[in-house]
Amino acid sequence: MNSDPISKTPSTPEININLALLIPMLSAIVAITPLAIDLYLPAMATIASSFHTDITMVQQSLSIYLAGYAVGMLTFGPLADRFGRRPLVILGLTGFALTSLVLAFVNNIELFLTLRFVQAFIGAAATVVVPGYIKEVYGENTAKGMSYVSLIMMLAPLIAPSIGSLILEFGEWHLIFFILSFYAFALLALVFIKLKMPSDANHALRSQKSFFGAYAVVFTKPGVKLHITSGVLTSFAFFCYLTASPFVYMEVFGLDKSLFALLFSTNVGALMLANIINTRIVGKYGSRRMLRAATILATFAGCALLSVNLLGLSYHYTVAALIPFMGFLGIMSVNADAIVLMKFQQETGTATAVIGTLRFGFGALAGPLLALFYTGTAVPFSALMLGAVILVGICQFASRKTSN
């Protein structure tokens, strides 16, 4: 029996849609973001040459994309709660598809950067509603559904650079954006035909709050802030790994690119395995217990990671500590988000926007902090990841005290 009776939502049997289709479809919608970020990475040098500029200008498109995505989430989250999720999915996929198509024809870097912002901004309209659909389907087992989506979505950043390289074998960089456009249009067709949920037809399930009123509800809801903070800190630990792992593996330990790619994939595999495990047992123990247990275990793994690097041991020990650490972070992430979403009946889009924006914002601090504490070793990266997990533990302890 679930130990997280936070709120009641429709259960799976009440949803007239095949979950074997719905979950991959929702995952594919969320995947437009990692695909748009990672698919064109191998083409950056070619794009720079095409625009007669240097690669650093093209690299700015990554930061611009993330900024556009954050602004888009903040904009469309409350609108989805007010006007329904399906119209926002249609708007987001249509806008993303058209912008991707136009991107394939641009001939200067200024227009390219502008359209990347627009692409991310409008695409956020489609992705911000997905956690709300998951909550609608899975109810009290929202963390289980979130794990399924995370599991499938993790494949996108894992395979996207390889697909991008393959695309470049058959054509110029423009082909990447043609394929992104086709992908979004294909999803749009599937949404028109198959995505018909109770909340899309029942206006009573929608929020009546104003744009800023919806945010006020999220920020003033009792028992939410500490769990949002837990999710943000978990995301910060992820960004520390993503930012530092190339330096740690290739510079500190002197590994080649092939071995780095293999080890990076191994850690992604640990995240996927953790999500599989979470789907199997979260229904029995509940999100709160899963979050607390994973936080305790991640603290031990983080201590081991910091210790082996303080002692200057070989990379094998760092890998051995990172694999479980990343898995526990995955369990912490989906359960922290699920606890927050379960607190809301009608403002799930706004809550998702808050979570996503804060995660990206604090995740962006990982790079500057790693640079600030740079020692030429893996100690700063290990310490920052462990520190983030310890702070999650403090948040969970405080949350437990306030709920008693």
Foldseek 3Di string as FASTA:
>chain_A
DAPCPQDFAAEQVVWPADPVPVLVLLLLLLLLVLLLQQQCVVQLCVVCVQQVHHSVLVVVLNVLLLVLLLLLLLVQLQVCLQQHLLVLLLQLLVQLLVLLLVLLVDRHSVVNSVSSSSNNNSSNSNNLCSLVVLCNHHPQLSLLSLLSSLLVSLVSNLCSNVVSVVVVVVHHSSVSSNVSSVSSVVSSVCSVPGVDTPRRVDNVLGDPADSVRLVVCLVPQPLQPLLLLLLLLLLLLVLLCVQCLVCAVCPAQNDDPVVSSVLVVLLSVLLSVLSVVCSVPCRPYPLLVLLLVLLVVLLVLLVQLLVCQVVPHHCVSNSVSSSSNSSSSSSNNSSSLSSSCSNDRRSSSNSSSVSSSSNSVSSVVSVVQCVVPPDSTCNSSSVSSSVSSVSSNVSSVVSVVVVD
